[in-house]
C-alpha atoms as a PDB file:
ATOM      1  CA  MET A   1     -37.421 -37.528  37.943  1.00  0.00           C
ATOM      2  CA  SER A   2     -39.877 -39.618  40.103  1.00  0.00           C
ATOM      3  CA  ASP A   3     -41.058 -36.778  42.266  1.00  0.00           C
ATOM      4  CA  VAL A   4     -42.535 -34.622  38.661  1.00  0.00           C
ATOM      5  CA  PRO A   5     -45.899 -33.818  39.424  1.00  0.00           C
ATOM      6  CA  LEU A   6     -47.654 -35.106  36.724  1.00  0.00           C
ATOM      7  CA  SER A   7     -50.773 -33.740  34.767  1.00  0.00           C
ATOM      8  CA  PRO A   8     -54.327 -34.083  34.668  1.00  0.00           C
ATOM      9  CA  VAL A   9     -54.335 -36.123  31.388  1.00  0.00           C
ATOM     10  CA  SER A  10     -51.638 -38.116  33.550  1.00  0.00           C
ATOM     11  CA  SER A  11     -53.283 -38.661  36.262  1.00  0.00           C
ATOM     12  CA  ILE A  12     -56.994 -39.933  34.777  1.00  0.00           C
ATOM     13  CA  ALA A  13     -55.213 -42.204  32.669  1.00  0.00           C
ATOM     14  CA  ARG A  14     -53.284 -44.356  35.882  1.00  0.00           C
ATOM     15  CA  ALA A  15     -56.074 -44.042  37.576  1.00  0.00           C
ATOM     16  CA  GLY A  16     -58.485 -45.660  35.639  1.00  0.00           C
ATOM     17  CA  TRP A  17     -61.272 -42.965  35.690  1.00  0.00           C
ATOM     18  CA  VAL A  18     -64.056 -43.917  33.732  1.00  0.00           C
ATOM     19  CA  PRO A  19     -67.319 -41.670  33.957  1.00  0.00           C
ATOM     20  CA  ARG A  20     -71.064 -42.560  33.733  1.00  0.00           C
ATOM     21  CA  ILE A  21     -72.550 -41.723  29.915  1.00  0.00           C
ATOM     22  CA  PRO A  22     -75.789 -40.161  30.527  1.00  0.00           C
ATOM     23  CA  LEU A  23     -78.862 -42.191  28.080  1.00  0.00           C
ATOM     24  CA  THR A  24     -79.233 -39.851  25.383  1.00  0.00           C
ATOM     25  CA  VAL A  25     -75.550 -40.385  25.049  1.00  0.00           C
ATOM     26  CA  TRP A  26     -76.037 -43.451  24.320  1.00  0.00           C
ATOM     27  CA  LEU A  27     -78.960 -42.928  22.251  1.00  0.00           C
ATOM     28  CA  ALA A  28     -76.773 -40.228  20.103  1.00  0.00           C
ATOM     29  CA  ILE A  29     -74.189 -42.623  19.303  1.00  0.00           C
ATOM     30  CA  ALA A  30     -76.212 -45.338  18.359  1.00  0.00           C
ATOM     31  CA  PHE A  31     -77.567 -43.182  15.906  1.00  0.00           C
ATOM     32  CA  LEU A  32     -74.105 -42.210  14.652  1.00  0.00           C
ATOM     33  CA  LEU A  33     -73.263 -45.515  14.691  1.00  0.00           C
ATOM     34  CA  VAL A  34     -76.131 -47.015  12.524  1.00  0.00           C
ATOM     35  CA  LEU A  35     -75.635 -44.024  10.424  1.00  0.00           C
ATOM     36  CA  ALA A  36     -72.252 -45.292   9.747  1.00  0.00           C
ATOM     37  CA  PHE A  37     -72.798 -48.769   9.116  1.00  0.00           C
ATOM     38  CA  SER A  38     -75.789 -47.733   6.646  1.00  0.00           C
ATOM     39  CA  MET A  39     -73.151 -45.378   4.476  1.00  0.00           C
ATOM     40  CA  ALA A  40     -70.050 -48.208   4.429  1.00  0.00           C
ATOM     41  CA  PHE A  41     -72.705 -50.840   3.471  1.00  0.00           C
ATOM     42  CA  ALA A  42     -75.543 -48.980   1.352  1.00  0.00           C
ATOM     43  CA  ARG A  43     -75.822 -51.781  -1.118  1.00  0.00           C
ATOM     44  CA  VAL A  44     -76.987 -54.310   2.330  1.00  0.00           C
ATOM     45  CA  VAL A  45     -79.930 -51.361   3.566  1.00  0.00           C
ATOM     46  CA  THR A  46     -81.489 -50.375   0.226  1.00  0.00           C
ATOM     47  CA  PRO A  47     -81.685 -52.033  -2.809  1.00  0.00           C
ATOM     48  CA  TYR A  48     -82.321 -49.209  -4.875  1.00  0.00           C
ATOM     49  CA  ASP A  49     -79.908 -47.010  -6.637  1.00  0.00           C
ATOM     50  CA  PRO A  50     -79.945 -43.549  -5.399  1.00  0.00           C
ATOM     51  CA  LEU A  51     -79.554 -41.408  -9.258  1.00  0.00           C
ATOM     52  CA  VAL A  52     -81.561 -44.249 -10.735  1.00  0.00           C
ATOM     53  CA  SER A  53     -85.116 -42.864 -11.582  1.00  0.00           C
ATOM     54  CA  ASP A  54     -88.498 -44.292 -12.135  1.00  0.00           C
ATOM     55  CA  VAL A  55     -91.012 -41.809 -13.963  1.00  0.00           C
ATOM     56  CA  ALA A  56     -94.288 -44.120 -13.308  1.00  0.00           C
ATOM     57  CA  HIS A  57     -93.148 -44.094  -9.226  1.00  0.00           C
ATOM     58  CA  ALA A  58     -92.924 -40.190  -9.398  1.00  0.00           C
ATOM     59  CA  MET A  59     -93.938 -38.391  -6.678  1.00  0.00           C
ATOM     60  CA  GLN A  60     -94.933 -41.649  -4.520  1.00  0.00           C
ATOM     61  CA  PRO A  61     -95.915 -41.134  -0.637  1.00  0.00           C
ATOM     62  CA  PRO A  62     -93.919 -43.341   2.092  1.00  0.00           C
ATOM     63  CA  ASP A  63     -94.727 -46.417   1.597  1.00  0.00           C
ATOM     64  CA  ALA A  64     -93.651 -50.349   2.781  1.00  0.00           C
ATOM     65  CA  ARG A  65     -91.876 -49.915  -1.145  1.00  0.00           C
ATOM     66  CA  HIS A  66     -90.815 -46.609  -0.636  1.00  0.00           C
ATOM     67  CA  TRP A  67     -89.607 -45.937   2.967  1.00  0.00           C
ATOM     68  CA  PHE A  68     -89.188 -42.163   2.158  1.00  0.00           C
ATOM     69  CA  GLY A  69     -91.349 -42.206  -0.974  1.00  0.00           C
ATOM     70  CA  THR A  70     -89.752 -40.598  -3.757  1.00  0.00           C
ATOM     71  CA  ASP A  71     -88.980 -37.793  -5.623  1.00  0.00           C
ATOM     72  CA  ARG A  72     -90.359 -35.347  -8.911  1.00  0.00           C
ATOM     73  CA  ILE A  73     -88.270 -38.021 -10.945  1.00  0.00           C
ATOM     74  CA  GLY A  74     -89.272 -41.178  -9.177  1.00  0.00           C
ATOM     75  CA  ARG A  75     -85.574 -41.722  -7.371  1.00  0.00           C
ATOM     76  CA  ASP A  76     -86.321 -42.900  -4.327  1.00  0.00           C
ATOM     77  CA  VAL A  77     -85.519 -40.734  -1.082  1.00  0.00           C
ATOM     78  CA  PHE A  78     -84.635 -43.064   1.546  1.00  0.00           C
ATOM     79  CA  ALA A  79     -81.459 -44.181  -0.949  1.00  0.00           C
ATOM     80  CA  ARG A  80     -81.060 -40.578  -1.455  1.00  0.00           C
ATOM     81  CA  VAL A  81     -81.138 -40.107   2.250  1.00  0.00           C
ATOM     82  CA  ILE A  82     -78.588 -42.905   2.739  1.00  0.00           C
ATOM     83  CA  TYR A  83     -75.855 -42.631  -0.031  1.00  0.00           C
ATOM     84  CA  GLY A  84     -76.250 -38.116   0.726  1.00  0.00           C
ATOM     85  CA  ALA A  85     -74.290 -39.263   4.259  1.00  0.00           C
ATOM     86  CA  ARG A  86     -71.131 -40.165   2.638  1.00  0.00           C
ATOM     87  CA  TYR A  87     -71.431 -36.477   0.668  1.00  0.00           C
ATOM     88  CA  SER A  88     -72.296 -34.764   4.048  1.00  0.00           C
ATOM     89  CA  LEU A  89     -70.511 -36.382   6.790  1.00  0.00           C
ATOM     90  CA  LEU A  90     -67.715 -36.808   5.005  1.00  0.00           C
ATOM     91  CA  ILE A  91     -67.721 -33.655   3.572  1.00  0.00           C
ATOM     92  CA  GLY A  92     -68.168 -31.960   7.136  1.00  0.00           C
ATOM     93  CA  LEU A  93     -65.667 -34.669   8.580  1.00  0.00           C
ATOM     94  CA  SER A  94     -62.825 -33.019   6.325  1.00  0.00           C
ATOM     95  CA  SER A  95     -63.952 -29.725   6.472  1.00  0.00           C
ATOM     96  CA  MET A  96     -63.685 -30.126  10.527  1.00  0.00           C
ATOM     97  CA  ILE A  97     -60.512 -31.552  10.105  1.00  0.00           C
ATOM     98  CA  VAL A  98     -58.464 -28.525   8.023  1.00  0.00           C
ATOM     99  CA  ALA A  99     -59.663 -25.743  11.174  1.00  0.00           C
ATOM    100  CA  LEU A 100     -58.481 -28.122  13.545  1.00  0.00           C
ATOM    101  CA  VAL A 101     -55.002 -28.328  11.869  1.00  0.00           C
ATOM    102  CA  ILE A 102     -54.634 -24.644  11.019  1.00  0.00           C
ATOM    103  CA  GLY A 103     -56.030 -23.552  14.062  1.00  0.00           C
ATOM    104  CA  LEU A 104     -54.443 -26.051  16.433  1.00  0.00           C
ATOM    105  CA  VAL A 105     -50.890 -24.433  14.802  1.00  0.00           C
ATOM    106  CA  LEU A 106     -51.901 -20.946  15.202  1.00  0.00           C
ATOM    107  CA  GLY A 107     -53.413 -21.710  18.124  1.00  0.00           C
ATOM    108  CA  MET A 108     -50.268 -23.325  19.746  1.00  0.00           C
ATOM    109  CA  THR A 109     -47.773 -21.241  18.439  1.00  0.00           C
ATOM    110  CA  ALA A 110     -49.842 -18.138  19.483  1.00  0.00           C
ATOM    111  CA  GLY A 111     -49.827 -19.560  23.205  1.00  0.00           C
ATOM    112  CA  LEU A 112     -46.075 -20.584  23.269  1.00  0.00           C
ATOM    113  CA  GLY A 113     -44.937 -17.971  21.374  1.00  0.00           C
ATOM    114  CA  GLY A 114     -43.967 -14.320  22.181  1.00  0.00           C
ATOM    115  CA  ARG A 115     -45.797 -11.294  22.234  1.00  0.00           C
ATOM    116  CA  ALA A 116     -45.517 -10.038  18.728  1.00  0.00           C
ATOM    117  CA  VAL A 117     -46.422 -13.927  17.650  1.00  0.00           C
ATOM    118  CA  ASP A 118     -49.497 -14.022  20.112  1.00  0.00           C
ATOM    119  CA  GLU A 119     -50.941 -10.820  18.439  1.00  0.00           C
ATOM    120  CA  GLY A 120     -50.091 -11.579  14.805  1.00  0.00           C
ATOM    121  CA  ALA A 121     -52.222 -14.914  15.254  1.00  0.00           C
ATOM    122  CA  SER A 122     -54.876 -13.059  17.876  1.00  0.00           C
ATOM    123  CA  ARG A 123     -54.982 -10.262  14.754  1.00  0.00           C
ATOM    124  CA  ILE A 124     -55.826 -13.559  12.363  1.00  0.00           C
ATOM    125  CA  PHE A 125     -58.798 -14.598  14.891  1.00  0.00           C
ATOM    126  CA  ASP A 126     -60.196 -11.591  15.203  1.00  0.00           C
ATOM    127  CA  VAL A 127     -60.205 -10.988  10.847  1.00  0.00           C
ATOM    128  CA  LEU A 128     -62.015 -14.349  10.236  1.00  0.00           C
ATOM    129  CA  SER A 129     -64.831 -14.058  13.242  1.00  0.00           C
ATOM    130  CA  ALA A 130     -65.375 -10.794  11.475  1.00  0.00           C
ATOM    131  CA  PHE A 131     -67.593 -12.275   9.286  1.00  0.00           C
ATOM    132  CA  PRO A 132     -70.202 -14.953   9.390  1.00  0.00           C
ATOM    133  CA  PRO A 133     -69.252 -18.209   9.197  1.00  0.00           C
ATOM    134  CA  VAL A 134     -71.934 -18.803   6.066  1.00  0.00           C
ATOM    135  CA  LEU A 135     -70.684 -15.331   4.829  1.00  0.00           C
ATOM    136  CA  LEU A 136     -66.692 -16.602   4.855  1.00  0.00           C
ATOM    137  CA  SER A 137     -67.939 -20.000   2.599  1.00  0.00           C
ATOM    138  CA  LEU A 138     -69.791 -17.969   0.466  1.00  0.00           C
ATOM    139  CA  PHE A 139     -66.697 -15.288   0.117  1.00  0.00           C
ATOM    140  CA  VAL A 140     -64.242 -18.395   0.252  1.00  0.00           C
ATOM    141  CA  VAL A 141     -66.338 -21.270  -2.479  1.00  0.00           C
ATOM    142  CA  THR A 142     -66.973 -17.714  -4.526  1.00  0.00           C
ATOM    143  CA  PHE A 143     -62.361 -17.307  -5.006  1.00  0.00           C
ATOM    144  CA  LEU A 144     -61.926 -21.144  -5.255  1.00  0.00           C
ATOM    145  CA  GLY A 145     -64.828 -22.389  -7.113  1.00  0.00           C
ATOM    146  CA  GLN A 146     -67.118 -25.137  -7.177  1.00  0.00           C
ATOM    147  CA  GLY A 147     -66.822 -28.612  -5.184  1.00  0.00           C
ATOM    148  CA  ILE A 148     -66.243 -31.163  -3.098  1.00  0.00           C
ATOM    149  CA  VAL A 149     -63.146 -29.959  -2.120  1.00  0.00           C
ATOM    150  CA  ASN A 150     -62.889 -26.297  -2.408  1.00  0.00           C
ATOM    151  CA  ILE A 151     -66.786 -26.680   0.073  1.00  0.00           C
ATOM    152  CA  ALA A 152     -64.156 -28.387   2.790  1.00  0.00           C
ATOM    153  CA  ILE A 153     -61.477 -25.895   2.139  1.00  0.00           C
ATOM    154  CA  ALA A 154     -64.300 -22.954   2.388  1.00  0.00           C
ATOM    155  CA  VAL A 155     -66.065 -24.312   5.588  1.00  0.00           C
ATOM    156  CA  GLY A 156     -63.197 -25.349   6.983  1.00  0.00           C
ATOM    157  CA  ILE A 157     -61.340 -22.012   6.631  1.00  0.00           C
ATOM    158  CA  ALA A 158     -64.474 -20.553   8.480  1.00  0.00           C
ATOM    159  CA  GLY A 159     -63.963 -22.647  11.305  1.00  0.00           C
ATOM    160  CA  ILE A 160     -60.538 -21.676  11.994  1.00  0.00           C
ATOM    161  CA  PRO A 161     -61.190 -19.103  14.866  1.00  0.00           C
ATOM    162  CA  LYS A 162     -63.223 -21.361  17.018  1.00  0.00           C
ATOM    163  CA  PHE A 163     -60.248 -23.982  17.628  1.00  0.00           C
ATOM    164  CA  GLY A 164     -57.774 -21.495  17.615  1.00  0.00           C
ATOM    165  CA  ARG A 165     -58.466 -19.806  20.167  1.00  0.00           C
ATOM    166  CA  VAL A 166     -59.829 -22.650  22.500  1.00  0.00           C
ATOM    167  CA  LEU A 167     -56.572 -23.763  21.703  1.00  0.00           C
ATOM    168  CA  ARG A 168     -54.688 -20.687  22.526  1.00  0.00           C
ATOM    169  CA  ALA A 169     -56.073 -20.315  25.748  1.00  0.00           C
ATOM    170  CA  GLN A 170     -55.706 -23.346  26.431  1.00  0.00           C
ATOM    171  CA  THR A 171     -52.172 -23.398  25.410  1.00  0.00           C
ATOM    172  CA  LEU A 172     -51.757 -20.340  28.212  1.00  0.00           C
ATOM    173  CA  ILE A 173     -53.622 -22.263  30.673  1.00  0.00           C
ATOM    174  CA  VAL A 174     -51.299 -25.310  30.681  1.00  0.00           C
ATOM    175  CA  ARG A 175     -48.228 -22.997  29.668  1.00  0.00           C
ATOM    176  CA  ARG A 176     -48.185 -21.853  33.062  1.00  0.00           C
ATOM    177  CA  ALA A 177     -49.368 -24.535  35.549  1.00  0.00           C
ATOM    178  CA  ASP A 178     -47.791 -26.254  38.328  1.00  0.00           C
ATOM    179  CA  TYR A 179     -46.788 -29.198  36.766  1.00  0.00           C
ATOM    180  CA  VAL A 180     -45.171 -27.584  33.694  1.00  0.00           C
ATOM    181  CA  THR A 181     -43.007 -24.997  36.227  1.00  0.00           C
ATOM    182  CA  HIS A 182     -42.001 -28.212  38.501  1.00  0.00           C
ATOM    183  CA  ALA A 183     -41.203 -30.281  35.447  1.00  0.00           C
ATOM    184  CA  VAL A 184     -39.125 -27.699  34.281  1.00  0.00           C
ATOM    185  CA  THR A 185     -37.590 -26.970  37.263  1.00  0.00           C
ATOM    186  CA  TYR A 186     -36.554 -30.611  37.621  1.00  0.00           C
ATOM    187  CA  GLY A 187     -34.454 -30.335  34.823  1.00  0.00           C
ATOM    188  CA  VAL A 188     -36.534 -31.928  32.442  1.00  0.00           C
ATOM    189  CA  PRO A 189     -35.401 -31.205  28.539  1.00  0.00           C
ATOM    190  CA  ARG A 190     -38.248 -28.355  26.849  1.00  0.00           C
ATOM    191  CA  ALA A 191     -38.913 -30.552  24.201  1.00  0.00           C
ATOM    192  CA  ARG A 192     -39.692 -34.024  26.232  1.00  0.00           C
ATOM    193  CA  VAL A 193     -41.961 -31.085  28.871  1.00  0.00           C
ATOM    194  CA  PHE A 194     -43.687 -30.271  25.303  1.00  0.00           C
ATOM    195  CA  MET A 195     -45.174 -33.141  23.964  1.00  0.00           C
ATOM    196  CA  ARG A 196     -45.098 -35.375  26.925  1.00  0.00           C
ATOM    197  CA  HIS A 197     -46.945 -32.498  29.619  1.00  0.00           C
ATOM    198  CA  ILE A 198     -48.148 -29.358  27.406  1.00  0.00           C
ATOM    199  CA  LEU A 199     -49.008 -30.862  23.751  1.00  0.00           C
ATOM    200  CA  PRO A 200     -51.686 -33.919  25.601  1.00  0.00           C
ATOM    201  CA  ASN A 201     -53.209 -31.584  28.331  1.00  0.00           C
ATOM    202  CA  VAL A 202     -53.893 -28.959  25.412  1.00  0.00           C
ATOM    203  CA  LEU A 203     -55.254 -31.788  23.333  1.00  0.00           C
ATOM    204  CA  ALA A 204     -58.052 -32.852  25.568  1.00  0.00           C
ATOM    205  CA  THR A 205     -59.801 -29.847  24.796  1.00  0.00           C
ATOM    206  CA  VAL A 206     -59.782 -31.353  21.178  1.00  0.00           C
ATOM    207  CA  PRO A 207     -62.734 -33.977  21.245  1.00  0.00           C
ATOM    208  CA  VAL A 208     -65.018 -31.156  22.567  1.00  0.00           C
ATOM    209  CA  ILE A 209     -64.708 -28.750  20.363  1.00  0.00           C
ATOM    210  CA  ALA A 210     -64.207 -31.002  17.375  1.00  0.00           C
ATOM    211  CA  THR A 211     -67.737 -32.909  17.956  1.00  0.00           C
ATOM    212  CA  ILE A 212     -69.288 -29.721  18.131  1.00  0.00           C
ATOM    213  CA  ASP A 213     -68.054 -28.611  15.423  1.00  0.00           C
ATOM    214  CA  ILE A 214     -68.578 -31.329  12.592  1.00  0.00           C
ATOM    215  CA  GLY A 215     -72.500 -30.475  13.864  1.00  0.00           C
ATOM    216  CA  SER A 216     -71.881 -26.865  12.593  1.00  0.00           C
ATOM    217  CA  ALA A 217     -69.852 -28.023   9.735  1.00  0.00           C
ATOM    218  CA  ILE A 218     -73.040 -30.953   8.154  1.00  0.00           C
ATOM    219  CA  ILE A 219     -75.056 -27.352   8.228  1.00  0.00           C
ATOM    220  CA  ALA A 220     -72.948 -24.657   6.965  1.00  0.00           C
ATOM    221  CA  VAL A 221     -71.766 -27.969   4.228  1.00  0.00           C
ATOM    222  CA  SER A 222     -75.427 -28.497   3.569  1.00  0.00           C
ATOM    223  CA  ALA A 223     -76.431 -24.377   3.206  1.00  0.00           C
ATOM    224  CA  LEU A 224     -73.712 -23.733   0.631  1.00  0.00           C
ATOM    225  CA  SER A 225     -75.519 -26.794  -1.388  1.00  0.00           C
ATOM    226  CA  PHE A 226     -78.431 -25.655  -0.468  1.00  0.00           C
ATOM    227  CA  LEU A 227     -77.194 -22.343  -2.720  1.00  0.00           C
ATOM    228  CA  GLY A 228     -75.540 -24.833  -5.313  1.00  0.00           C
ATOM    229  CA  LEU A 229     -72.061 -23.792  -4.325  1.00  0.00           C
ATOM    230  CA  GLY A 230     -71.332 -27.534  -3.486  1.00  0.00           C
ATOM    231  CA  PRO A 231     -71.770 -30.780  -5.228  1.00  0.00           C
ATOM    232  CA  GLN A 232     -74.361 -30.432  -8.279  1.00  0.00           C
ATOM    233  CA  PRO A 233     -77.603 -32.561  -8.897  1.00  0.00           C
ATOM    234  CA  PRO A 234     -77.936 -35.215  -9.204  1.00  0.00           C
ATOM    235  CA  THR A 235     -75.169 -36.076  -6.696  1.00  0.00           C
ATOM    236  CA  PRO A 236     -77.412 -37.273  -3.637  1.00  0.00           C
ATOM    237  CA  GLU A 237     -76.367 -34.808  -1.021  1.00  0.00           C
ATOM    238  CA  TRP A 238     -78.361 -33.508   2.217  1.00  0.00           C
ATOM    239  CA  GLY A 239     -78.430 -29.581   0.906  1.00  0.00           C
ATOM    240  CA  VAL A 240     -78.928 -30.544  -3.169  1.00  0.00           C
ATOM    241  CA  MET A 241     -81.563 -32.905  -1.678  1.00  0.00           C
ATOM    242  CA  LEU A 242     -83.503 -29.315   0.340  1.00  0.00           C
ATOM    243  CA  ALA A 243     -83.045 -27.776  -3.175  1.00  0.00           C
ATOM    244  CA  GLU A 244     -84.786 -30.163  -5.373  1.00  0.00           C
ATOM    245  CA  GLY A 245     -87.328 -31.043  -2.969  1.00  0.00           C
ATOM    246  CA  ARG A 246     -88.030 -27.120  -2.225  1.00  0.00           C
ATOM    247  CA  ASP A 247     -89.457 -26.391  -5.542  1.00  0.00           C
ATOM    248  CA  VAL A 248     -92.514 -29.738  -4.629  1.00  0.00           C
ATOM    249  CA  LEU A 249     -92.630 -28.751  -1.144  1.00  0.00           C
ATOM    250  CA  ARG A 250     -96.675 -27.843  -1.830  1.00  0.00           C
ATOM    251  CA  VAL A 251     -97.424 -31.243  -3.488  1.00  0.00           C
ATOM    252  CA  ALA A 252     -94.968 -33.573  -1.786  1.00  0.00           C
ATOM    253  CA  TRP A 253     -93.710 -32.789   1.675  1.00  0.00           C
ATOM    254  CA  TRP A 254     -91.461 -36.094   1.867  1.00  0.00           C
ATOM    255  CA  PRO A 255     -88.505 -34.994  -0.450  1.00  0.00           C
ATOM    256  CA  SER A 256     -87.714 -31.955   1.428  1.00  0.00           C
ATOM    257  CA  VAL A 257     -88.314 -33.430   5.020  1.00  0.00           C
ATOM    258  CA  PHE A 258     -86.395 -36.649   5.515  1.00  0.00           C
ATOM    259  CA  PRO A 259     -82.985 -34.983   4.668  1.00  0.00           C
ATOM    260  CA  GLY A 260     -83.332 -31.988   6.595  1.00  0.00           C
ATOM    261  CA  LEU A 261     -84.496 -34.798   9.689  1.00  0.00           C
ATOM    262  CA  ALA A 262     -81.546 -36.824   8.361  1.00  0.00           C
ATOM    263  CA  ILE A 263     -79.127 -32.802   8.897  1.00  0.00           C
ATOM    264  CA  THR A 264     -81.017 -32.219  12.328  1.00  0.00           C
ATOM    265  CA  LEU A 265     -80.400 -36.083  14.006  1.00  0.00           C
ATOM    266  CA  CYS A 266     -76.997 -35.222  13.110  1.00  0.00           C
ATOM    267  CA  VAL A 267     -76.532 -32.306  14.095  1.00  0.00           C
ATOM    268  CA  MET A 268     -78.058 -32.718  17.368  1.00  0.00           C
ATOM    269  CA  ALA A 269     -76.195 -36.356  17.609  1.00  0.00           C
ATOM    270  CA  PHE A 270     -72.747 -34.710  17.816  1.00  0.00           C
ATOM    271  CA  SER A 271     -73.502 -32.101  20.074  1.00  0.00           C
ATOM    272  CA  LEU A 272     -75.047 -34.017  22.761  1.00  0.00           C
ATOM    273  CA  ILE A 273     -72.205 -35.948  22.414  1.00  0.00           C
ATOM    274  CA  GLY A 274     -69.871 -32.762  22.608  1.00  0.00           C
ATOM    275  CA  LYS A 275     -71.791 -31.534  25.670  1.00  0.00           C
ATOM    276  CA  PHE A 276     -70.986 -34.611  27.067  1.00  0.00           C
ATOM    277  CA  LEU A 277     -67.067 -34.248  26.413  1.00  0.00           C
ATOM    278  CA  SER A 278     -67.519 -30.811  27.765  1.00  0.00           C
ATOM    279  CA  ARG A 279     -68.795 -31.643  31.213  1.00  0.00           C
ATOM    280  CA  VAL A 280     -66.009 -34.866  31.462  1.00  0.00           C
ATOM    281  CA  TYR A 281     -63.569 -32.327  30.437  1.00  0.00           C
ATOM    282  CA  GLY A 282     -64.778 -29.929  32.925  1.00  0.00           C
ATOM    283  CA  VAL A 283     -64.746 -32.789  35.825  1.00  0.00           C
ATOM    284  CA  ARG A 284     -60.600 -34.122  34.686  1.00  0.00           C
ATOM    285  CA  THR A 285     -59.609 -30.109  34.907  1.00  0.00           C
ATOM    286  CA  ARG A 286     -61.303 -29.031  38.075  1.00  0.00           C
END
């Protein structure tokens, strides 16, 4: 059995190959780690409560006391950005998990099943892809109702085709690979072939699309919250903050700019890491 060729994942794991990480990716990782620390220890990072208002200090520009200024009812914008990360990131992560689980099941079922199963799964992906992600999320939220759980499900359903099609294509490639054919020829049980050769090499693509999809999910969640379909005020969520700051944008830029900047930096960070993983994955399968 030792003569069975190793799959790419198994070969690299044994070789101990470690890629060179660019500085931009290190900066993206550092930003996300700082953000994660701020989310976990928000009371240490800022002494202000994101829900407590102080009308006497409303609409103050950024200074040494309020780093990001205050909004129209005197709430500290920096505190709201930090606490808002819990909602935006966790909802985005939850929606990505929903899309990943359903997409993985449908994609691998289509790749391993017969022609009828493949056609059925492909038609599901076509129907979901016929609508823009935000529009499809709007439709699902309208059907399910407002709320944090419902918005995570809605954005997750919109992301199913992205995962499903990639995982289906990868399953078809791995299924026909030489190391799988040789393993079957050597008499390896099909369950072992699936667990040792097919599943690990299909899942190798998941970090790439999952990392990039989190950024897309954060944008979608913020867009729905901006339209009033996500968490409701006074919840310190980034999309909600953008909607609240829109009304005072002409007289105060900070209530909108800082949550918008947080969204932009998060999406950029996840995109940089995702593109790096994509390059690494390309080297692994070459």
